[in-house]
Amino acid sequence: MRLLFNILAITGSAMFAGVMLTIGVTLGGYWKSLPAAEFLDWFSQNNGFISGAIPLVVLPTLVGLICSLWLGWGAPETRILWIGSATCIAGVLALTMIWFVPTNAQFAAKTLPLDQVPARLNTWIMIHYVRIGLAAAASVLGMLAISR
């Protein structure tokens, strides 16, 4: 069982980073190319596709991390790595709930004034890359934990 949870923790966080990287690079570049009103139209029509992909990678990541941390708690040399990995994913989830959920809701509802959209989108993309880095770091820390 430990191996299964370790695999879920590592591959889940790596998939999370990959999904977010795709969103950031592919969609982020496209969004920035659009005029503000067109971006808001696109986002209001398609946000569900993006938000629908996230639970597919968050759930296995959380199950794997929680169980890997629990099963590895007695080994101090791996415990700190699993704590670090879990902290990275907690950071991703905190950023998501604090920044991305409300900002995405503004984009989807088109409540943001058009002159504020480019700056908000730039900030969105910048913070999004922090999330990508945290999810990738979580995967690396998990790999280090199982290599000990």
N, C-alpha and C. Protein backbone atom coordinates (compact mmCIF):
# COMPACT_ATOMS: atom_id res chain seq x y z
N MET A 1 0.82 -1.19 0.00
CA MET A 1 0.00 0.00 0.00
C MET A 1 0.86 1.26 0.00
N ARG A 2 1.98 1.21 0.73
CA ARG A 2 2.85 2.38 0.80
C ARG A 2 3.28 2.81 -0.60
N LEU A 3 3.66 1.83 -1.41
CA LEU A 3 4.12 2.14 -2.77
C LEU A 3 3.00 2.82 -3.57
N LEU A 4 1.78 2.32 -3.46
CA LEU A 4 0.65 2.92 -4.16
C LEU A 4 0.45 4.38 -3.75
N PHE A 5 0.50 4.65 -2.46
CA PHE A 5 0.31 6.02 -1.99
C PHE A 5 1.47 6.92 -2.41
N ASN A 6 2.69 6.37 -2.37
CA ASN A 6 3.84 7.15 -2.84
C ASN A 6 3.70 7.50 -4.31
N ILE A 7 3.25 6.55 -5.11
CA ILE A 7 3.05 6.79 -6.54
C ILE A 7 1.98 7.86 -6.74
N LEU A 8 0.88 7.76 -6.01
CA LEU A 8 -0.18 8.77 -6.12
C LEU A 8 0.33 10.16 -5.74
N ALA A 9 1.10 10.24 -4.67
CA ALA A 9 1.61 11.54 -4.21
C ALA A 9 2.54 12.16 -5.25
N ILE A 10 3.44 11.36 -5.79
CA ILE A 10 4.44 11.89 -6.72
C ILE A 10 3.83 12.16 -8.09
N THR A 11 3.14 11.18 -8.63
CA THR A 11 2.56 11.40 -9.97
C THR A 11 1.43 12.41 -9.92
N GLY A 12 0.67 12.42 -8.83
CA GLY A 12 -0.41 13.39 -8.70
C GLY A 12 0.11 14.82 -8.71
N SER A 13 1.15 15.08 -7.92
CA SER A 13 1.69 16.44 -7.89
C SER A 13 2.38 16.78 -9.20
N ALA A 14 3.01 15.80 -9.85
CA ALA A 14 3.63 16.06 -11.15
C ALA A 14 2.56 16.33 -12.21
N MET A 15 1.46 15.58 -12.17
CA MET A 15 0.36 15.85 -13.11
C MET A 15 -0.26 17.21 -12.84
N PHE A 16 -0.38 17.57 -11.57
CA PHE A 16 -0.91 18.88 -11.19
C PHE A 16 -0.04 19.97 -11.80
N ALA A 17 1.28 19.83 -11.65
CA ALA A 17 2.20 20.81 -12.25
C ALA A 17 2.04 20.84 -13.77
N GLY A 18 1.89 19.68 -14.38
CA GLY A 18 1.74 19.62 -15.84
C GLY A 18 0.46 20.25 -16.34
N VAL A 19 -0.64 20.00 -15.64
CA VAL A 19 -1.91 20.62 -16.03
C VAL A 19 -1.79 22.13 -15.93
N MET A 20 -1.21 22.59 -14.83
CA MET A 20 -1.08 24.04 -14.64
C MET A 20 -0.09 24.65 -15.64
N LEU A 21 0.97 23.91 -15.98
CA LEU A 21 1.92 24.39 -16.98
C LEU A 21 1.23 24.55 -18.33
N THR A 22 0.42 23.59 -18.70
CA THR A 22 -0.32 23.67 -19.95
C THR A 22 -1.26 24.88 -19.95
N ILE A 23 -1.97 25.06 -18.85
CA ILE A 23 -2.87 26.21 -18.74
C ILE A 23 -2.07 27.50 -18.87
N GLY A 24 -0.97 27.59 -18.14
CA GLY A 24 -0.17 28.82 -18.14
C GLY A 24 0.46 29.14 -19.47
N VAL A 25 1.08 28.15 -20.08
CA VAL A 25 1.80 28.40 -21.34
C VAL A 25 0.84 28.51 -22.52
N THR A 26 -0.02 27.53 -22.66
CA THR A 26 -0.90 27.50 -23.82
C THR A 26 -2.01 28.54 -23.72
N LEU A 27 -2.82 28.41 -22.68
CA LEU A 27 -3.95 29.33 -22.56
C LEU A 27 -3.50 30.73 -22.15
N GLY A 28 -2.52 30.82 -21.24
CA GLY A 28 -2.05 32.13 -20.82
C GLY A 28 -1.57 32.98 -21.98
N GLY A 29 -0.79 32.37 -22.86
CA GLY A 29 -0.33 33.10 -24.04
C GLY A 29 -1.47 33.51 -24.95
N TYR A 30 -2.42 32.61 -25.13
CA TYR A 30 -3.59 32.92 -25.95
C TYR A 30 -4.40 34.05 -25.32
N TRP A 31 -4.65 33.94 -24.02
CA TRP A 31 -5.44 34.96 -23.33
C TRP A 31 -4.82 36.34 -23.46
N LYS A 32 -3.49 36.39 -23.33
CA LYS A 32 -2.82 37.69 -23.41
C LYS A 32 -2.91 38.30 -24.80
N SER A 33 -3.13 37.45 -25.81
CA SER A 33 -3.23 37.96 -27.18
C SER A 33 -4.60 38.56 -27.49
N LEU A 34 -5.56 38.30 -26.62
CA LEU A 34 -6.93 38.76 -26.86
C LEU A 34 -7.17 40.15 -26.27
N PRO A 35 -8.02 40.94 -26.92
CA PRO A 35 -8.48 42.17 -26.27
C PRO A 35 -9.26 41.80 -24.99
N ALA A 36 -9.29 42.70 -24.03
CA ALA A 36 -9.87 42.42 -22.72
C ALA A 36 -11.30 41.86 -22.81
N ALA A 37 -12.14 42.47 -23.61
CA ALA A 37 -13.53 42.02 -23.71
C ALA A 37 -13.62 40.60 -24.29
N GLU A 38 -12.78 40.31 -25.27
CA GLU A 38 -12.79 38.96 -25.86
C GLU A 38 -12.27 37.93 -24.87
N PHE A 39 -11.25 38.30 -24.10
CA PHE A 39 -10.75 37.38 -23.07
C PHE A 39 -11.85 37.05 -22.07
N LEU A 40 -12.55 38.07 -21.58
CA LEU A 40 -13.62 37.84 -20.61
C LEU A 40 -14.72 36.98 -21.22
N ASP A 41 -15.05 37.21 -22.48
CA ASP A 41 -16.05 36.37 -23.15
C ASP A 41 -15.58 34.91 -23.20
N TRP A 42 -14.32 34.73 -23.62
CA TRP A 42 -13.77 33.37 -23.70
C TRP A 42 -13.80 32.72 -22.33
N PHE A 43 -13.33 33.43 -21.33
CA PHE A 43 -13.24 32.87 -19.98
C PHE A 43 -14.62 32.51 -19.44
N SER A 44 -15.60 33.37 -19.67
CA SER A 44 -16.94 33.09 -19.15
C SER A 44 -17.55 31.86 -19.82
N GLN A 45 -17.17 31.59 -21.06
CA GLN A 45 -17.71 30.44 -21.78
C GLN A 45 -16.94 29.15 -21.52
N ASN A 46 -15.66 29.25 -21.13
CA ASN A 46 -14.81 28.06 -21.07
C ASN A 46 -14.19 27.76 -19.71
N ASN A 47 -14.46 28.57 -18.72
CA ASN A 47 -13.85 28.37 -17.41
C ASN A 47 -14.13 26.98 -16.84
N GLY A 48 -15.30 26.44 -17.13
CA GLY A 48 -15.66 25.12 -16.62
C GLY A 48 -14.72 24.02 -17.07
N PHE A 49 -14.17 24.14 -18.27
CA PHE A 49 -13.23 23.13 -18.75
C PHE A 49 -11.95 23.14 -17.92
N ILE A 50 -11.50 24.34 -17.58
CA ILE A 50 -10.27 24.47 -16.79
C ILE A 50 -10.52 23.98 -15.37
N SER A 51 -11.54 24.50 -14.74
CA SER A 51 -11.81 24.12 -13.36
C SER A 51 -12.19 22.65 -13.23
N GLY A 52 -12.69 22.05 -14.28
CA GLY A 52 -13.02 20.63 -14.25
C GLY A 52 -11.81 19.73 -14.28
N ALA A 53 -10.68 20.21 -14.80
CA ALA A 53 -9.48 19.39 -14.88
C ALA A 53 -8.74 19.31 -13.54
N ILE A 54 -8.87 20.33 -12.74
CA ILE A 54 -8.10 20.41 -11.50
C ILE A 54 -8.43 19.28 -10.51
N PRO A 55 -9.71 19.00 -10.22
CA PRO A 55 -9.99 17.92 -9.26
C PRO A 55 -9.43 16.56 -9.68
N LEU A 56 -9.29 16.35 -10.97
CA LEU A 56 -8.75 15.07 -11.45
C LEU A 56 -7.31 14.84 -10.98
N VAL A 57 -6.59 15.91 -10.72
CA VAL A 57 -5.21 15.75 -10.24
C VAL A 57 -5.07 16.09 -8.75
N VAL A 58 -5.97 16.90 -8.22
CA VAL A 58 -5.87 17.25 -6.80
C VAL A 58 -6.22 16.07 -5.91
N LEU A 59 -7.28 15.35 -6.23
CA LEU A 59 -7.72 14.26 -5.36
C LEU A 59 -6.67 13.16 -5.21
N PRO A 60 -6.09 12.63 -6.29
CA PRO A 60 -5.06 11.61 -6.09
C PRO A 60 -3.84 12.16 -5.36
N THR A 61 -3.51 13.42 -5.62
CA THR A 61 -2.37 14.04 -4.96
C THR A 61 -2.59 14.08 -3.45
N LEU A 62 -3.76 14.55 -3.03
CA LEU A 62 -4.05 14.65 -1.61
C LEU A 62 -4.10 13.29 -0.93
N VAL A 63 -4.75 12.33 -1.55
CA VAL A 63 -4.81 10.98 -0.98
C VAL A 63 -3.40 10.42 -0.84
N GLY A 64 -2.62 10.53 -1.90
CA GLY A 64 -1.25 10.01 -1.86
C GLY A 64 -0.39 10.70 -0.82
N LEU A 65 -0.46 12.01 -0.77
CA LEU A 65 0.36 12.76 0.19
C LEU A 65 -0.03 12.47 1.63
N ILE A 66 -1.31 12.51 1.92
CA ILE A 66 -1.76 12.27 3.29
C ILE A 66 -1.34 10.88 3.76
N CYS A 67 -1.57 9.90 2.92
CA CYS A 67 -1.23 8.52 3.31
C CYS A 67 0.28 8.30 3.34
N SER A 68 1.02 8.88 2.42
CA SER A 68 2.48 8.74 2.43
C SER A 68 3.07 9.39 3.67
N LEU A 69 2.55 10.53 4.03
CA LEU A 69 3.01 11.22 5.24
C LEU A 69 2.68 10.38 6.48
N TRP A 70 1.49 9.87 6.52
CA TRP A 70 1.07 9.06 7.67
C TRP A 70 1.91 7.79 7.78
N LEU A 71 2.09 7.09 6.66
CA LEU A 71 2.85 5.84 6.69
C LEU A 71 4.35 6.06 6.92
N GLY A 72 4.84 7.22 6.52
CA GLY A 72 6.26 7.50 6.68
C GLY A 72 6.59 8.32 7.91
N TRP A 73 5.59 8.56 8.76
CA TRP A 73 5.80 9.44 9.91
C TRP A 73 6.90 8.93 10.84
N GLY A 74 7.04 7.64 10.99
CA GLY A 74 8.02 7.07 11.91
C GLY A 74 9.46 7.14 11.44
N ALA A 75 9.67 7.54 10.19
CA ALA A 75 11.03 7.61 9.64
C ALA A 75 11.43 9.08 9.50
N PRO A 76 12.22 9.61 10.44
CA PRO A 76 12.56 11.04 10.41
C PRO A 76 13.23 11.49 9.11
N GLU A 77 14.00 10.60 8.48
CA GLU A 77 14.71 10.98 7.25
C GLU A 77 13.77 11.20 6.07
N THR A 78 12.60 10.59 6.10
CA THR A 78 11.63 10.82 5.03
C THR A 78 10.48 11.72 5.46
N ARG A 79 10.20 11.75 6.74
CA ARG A 79 9.08 12.56 7.24
C ARG A 79 9.21 14.03 6.82
N ILE A 80 10.40 14.59 6.96
CA ILE A 80 10.59 16.00 6.62
C ILE A 80 10.36 16.25 5.13
N LEU A 81 10.72 15.29 4.30
CA LEU A 81 10.50 15.43 2.85
C LEU A 81 9.02 15.37 2.52
N TRP A 82 8.29 14.45 3.16
CA TRP A 82 6.85 14.37 2.92
C TRP A 82 6.14 15.61 3.48
N ILE A 83 6.63 16.13 4.59
CA ILE A 83 6.06 17.37 5.13
C ILE A 83 6.31 18.51 4.14
N GLY A 84 7.50 18.57 3.59
CA GLY A 84 7.81 19.60 2.59
C GLY A 84 6.92 19.47 1.36
N SER A 85 6.73 18.25 0.90
CA SER A 85 5.87 18.01 -0.26
C SER A 85 4.44 18.45 0.04
N ALA A 86 3.94 18.06 1.21
CA ALA A 86 2.58 18.44 1.60
C ALA A 86 2.45 19.95 1.75
N THR A 87 3.49 20.59 2.26
CA THR A 87 3.47 22.04 2.42
C THR A 87 3.39 22.73 1.05
N CYS A 88 4.12 22.20 0.09
CA CYS A 88 4.05 22.77 -1.27
C CYS A 88 2.64 22.67 -1.84
N ILE A 89 2.02 21.51 -1.69
CA ILE A 89 0.66 21.34 -2.21
C ILE A 89 -0.32 22.20 -1.42
N ALA A 90 -0.11 22.34 -0.11
CA ALA A 90 -0.96 23.23 0.69
C ALA A 90 -0.82 24.67 0.18
N GLY A 91 0.39 25.06 -0.22
CA GLY A 91 0.59 26.39 -0.79
C GLY A 91 -0.17 26.57 -2.09
N VAL A 92 -0.14 25.54 -2.93
CA VAL A 92 -0.90 25.59 -4.19
C VAL A 92 -2.39 25.76 -3.91
N LEU A 93 -2.89 24.97 -2.97
CA LEU A 93 -4.32 25.03 -2.66
C LEU A 93 -4.69 26.36 -2.02
N ALA A 94 -3.81 26.90 -1.17
CA ALA A 94 -4.09 28.20 -0.55
C ALA A 94 -4.14 29.30 -1.61
N LEU A 95 -3.16 29.31 -2.51
CA LEU A 95 -3.18 30.30 -3.60
C LEU A 95 -4.44 30.15 -4.45
N THR A 96 -4.82 28.92 -4.70
CA THR A 96 -6.00 28.65 -5.50
C THR A 96 -7.25 29.23 -4.84
N MET A 97 -7.41 28.96 -3.55
CA MET A 97 -8.62 29.42 -2.86
C MET A 97 -8.60 30.93 -2.62
N ILE A 98 -7.45 31.47 -2.29
CA ILE A 98 -7.37 32.89 -1.93
C ILE A 98 -7.35 33.80 -3.15
N TRP A 99 -6.63 33.41 -4.19
CA TRP A 99 -6.46 34.29 -5.35
C TRP A 99 -7.25 33.82 -6.57
N PHE A 100 -7.06 32.56 -6.95
CA PHE A 100 -7.59 32.12 -8.24
C PHE A 100 -9.09 31.92 -8.27
N VAL A 101 -9.67 31.37 -7.24
CA VAL A 101 -11.13 31.18 -7.25
C VAL A 101 -11.85 32.52 -7.37
N PRO A 102 -11.51 33.53 -6.52
CA PRO A 102 -12.22 34.80 -6.68
C PRO A 102 -11.90 35.53 -7.99
N THR A 103 -10.64 35.46 -8.42
CA THR A 103 -10.27 36.14 -9.67
C THR A 103 -10.93 35.47 -10.86
N ASN A 104 -10.93 34.14 -10.88
CA ASN A 104 -11.60 33.42 -11.97
C ASN A 104 -13.09 33.73 -11.99
N ALA A 105 -13.68 33.86 -10.81
CA ALA A 105 -15.11 34.20 -10.74
C ALA A 105 -15.36 35.59 -11.32
N GLN A 106 -14.45 36.53 -11.05
CA GLN A 106 -14.58 37.87 -11.64
C GLN A 106 -14.45 37.81 -13.16
N PHE A 107 -13.47 37.05 -13.63
CA PHE A 107 -13.30 36.92 -15.08
C PHE A 107 -14.55 36.30 -15.70
N ALA A 108 -15.03 35.21 -15.10
CA ALA A 108 -16.18 34.50 -15.67
C ALA A 108 -17.45 35.34 -15.63
N ALA A 109 -17.62 36.12 -14.57
CA ALA A 109 -18.81 36.96 -14.45
C ALA A 109 -18.67 38.29 -15.19
N LYS A 110 -17.47 38.54 -15.70
CA LYS A 110 -17.17 39.78 -16.43
C LYS A 110 -17.42 41.02 -15.58
N THR A 111 -17.08 40.92 -14.30
CA THR A 111 -17.31 42.05 -13.39
C THR A 111 -16.09 42.95 -13.25
N LEU A 112 -14.99 42.55 -13.81
CA LEU A 112 -13.77 43.35 -13.73
C LEU A 112 -13.81 44.42 -14.82
N PRO A 113 -13.56 45.69 -14.49
CA PRO A 113 -13.52 46.72 -15.54
C PRO A 113 -12.49 46.38 -16.60
N LEU A 114 -12.82 46.63 -17.85
CA LEU A 114 -11.96 46.23 -18.97
C LEU A 114 -10.56 46.80 -18.87
N ASP A 115 -10.41 48.01 -18.34
CA ASP A 115 -9.07 48.59 -18.26
C ASP A 115 -8.20 47.90 -17.20
N GLN A 116 -8.80 47.11 -16.31
CA GLN A 116 -8.05 46.38 -15.29
C GLN A 116 -7.71 44.95 -15.70
N VAL A 117 -8.31 44.48 -16.77
CA VAL A 117 -8.14 43.08 -17.17
C VAL A 117 -6.69 42.74 -17.52
N PRO A 118 -5.98 43.51 -18.35
CA PRO A 118 -4.61 43.11 -18.69
C PRO A 118 -3.68 42.98 -17.47
N ALA A 119 -3.76 43.93 -16.56
CA ALA A 119 -2.90 43.86 -15.36
C ALA A 119 -3.29 42.67 -14.49
N ARG A 120 -4.59 42.43 -14.32
CA ARG A 120 -5.04 41.30 -13.50
C ARG A 120 -4.62 39.98 -14.15
N LEU A 121 -4.72 39.90 -15.46
CA LEU A 121 -4.30 38.68 -16.15
C LEU A 121 -2.80 38.47 -16.02
N ASN A 122 -2.01 39.51 -16.12
CA ASN A 122 -0.56 39.37 -15.93
C ASN A 122 -0.25 38.88 -14.52
N THR A 123 -0.93 39.42 -13.53
CA THR A 123 -0.74 38.96 -12.15
C THR A 123 -1.19 37.51 -12.01
N TRP A 124 -2.30 37.17 -12.64
CA TRP A 124 -2.82 35.80 -12.62
C TRP A 124 -1.75 34.84 -13.13
N ILE A 125 -1.16 35.17 -14.26
CA ILE A 125 -0.16 34.29 -14.87
C ILE A 125 1.09 34.21 -13.98
N MET A 126 1.54 35.33 -13.42
CA MET A 126 2.72 35.33 -12.57
C MET A 126 2.51 34.44 -11.34
N ILE A 127 1.38 34.60 -10.67
CA ILE A 127 1.10 33.78 -9.49
C ILE A 127 0.88 32.32 -9.89
N HIS A 128 0.33 32.11 -11.06
CA HIS A 128 0.12 30.75 -11.57
C HIS A 128 1.45 30.02 -11.70
N TYR A 129 2.50 30.71 -12.15
CA TYR A 129 3.80 30.06 -12.26
C TYR A 129 4.38 29.70 -10.90
N VAL A 130 4.02 30.43 -9.87
CA VAL A 130 4.42 30.05 -8.51
C VAL A 130 3.76 28.72 -8.15
N ARG A 131 2.49 28.58 -8.49
CA ARG A 131 1.79 27.31 -8.23
C ARG A 131 2.44 26.15 -8.97
N ILE A 132 2.85 26.39 -10.20
CA ILE A 132 3.51 25.34 -10.98
C ILE A 132 4.79 24.91 -10.27
N GLY A 133 5.59 25.89 -9.85
CA GLY A 133 6.84 25.59 -9.15
C GLY A 133 6.60 24.81 -7.86
N LEU A 134 5.58 25.19 -7.11
CA LEU A 134 5.28 24.48 -5.87
C LEU A 134 4.85 23.04 -6.13
N ALA A 135 4.02 22.82 -7.13
CA ALA A 135 3.58 21.45 -7.45
C ALA A 135 4.75 20.61 -7.95
N ALA A 136 5.62 21.19 -8.75
CA ALA A 136 6.81 20.45 -9.22
C ALA A 136 7.73 20.13 -8.06
N ALA A 137 7.90 21.09 -7.15
CA ALA A 137 8.75 20.85 -5.97
C ALA A 137 8.16 19.74 -5.11
N ALA A 138 6.84 19.69 -4.99
CA ALA A 138 6.20 18.63 -4.21
C ALA A 138 6.53 17.26 -4.79
N SER A 139 6.53 17.16 -6.10
CA SER A 139 6.85 15.90 -6.75
C SER A 139 8.31 15.51 -6.51
N VAL A 140 9.20 16.47 -6.64
CA VAL A 140 10.63 16.20 -6.42
C VAL A 140 10.88 15.78 -4.97
N LEU A 141 10.26 16.46 -4.02
CA LEU A 141 10.43 16.09 -2.62
C LEU A 141 9.91 14.68 -2.35
N GLY A 142 8.81 14.32 -2.99
CA GLY A 142 8.31 12.95 -2.86
C GLY A 142 9.28 11.94 -3.43
N MET A 143 9.88 12.26 -4.57
CA MET A 143 10.87 11.34 -5.15
C MET A 143 12.07 11.19 -4.23
N LEU A 144 12.51 12.28 -3.63
CA LEU A 144 13.62 12.22 -2.68
C LEU A 144 13.24 11.36 -1.46
N ALA A 145 12.01 11.49 -1.01
CA ALA A 145 11.55 10.70 0.14
C ALA A 145 11.59 9.21 -0.14
N ILE A 146 11.15 8.80 -1.30
CA ILE A 146 11.14 7.34 -1.57
C ILE A 146 12.51 6.81 -1.94
N SER A 147 13.45 7.69 -2.25
CA SER A 147 14.80 7.23 -2.60
C SER A 147 15.66 7.00 -1.35
N ARG A 148 15.14 7.33 -0.20
CA ARG A 148 15.91 7.17 1.06
C ARG A 148 15.67 5.83 1.69
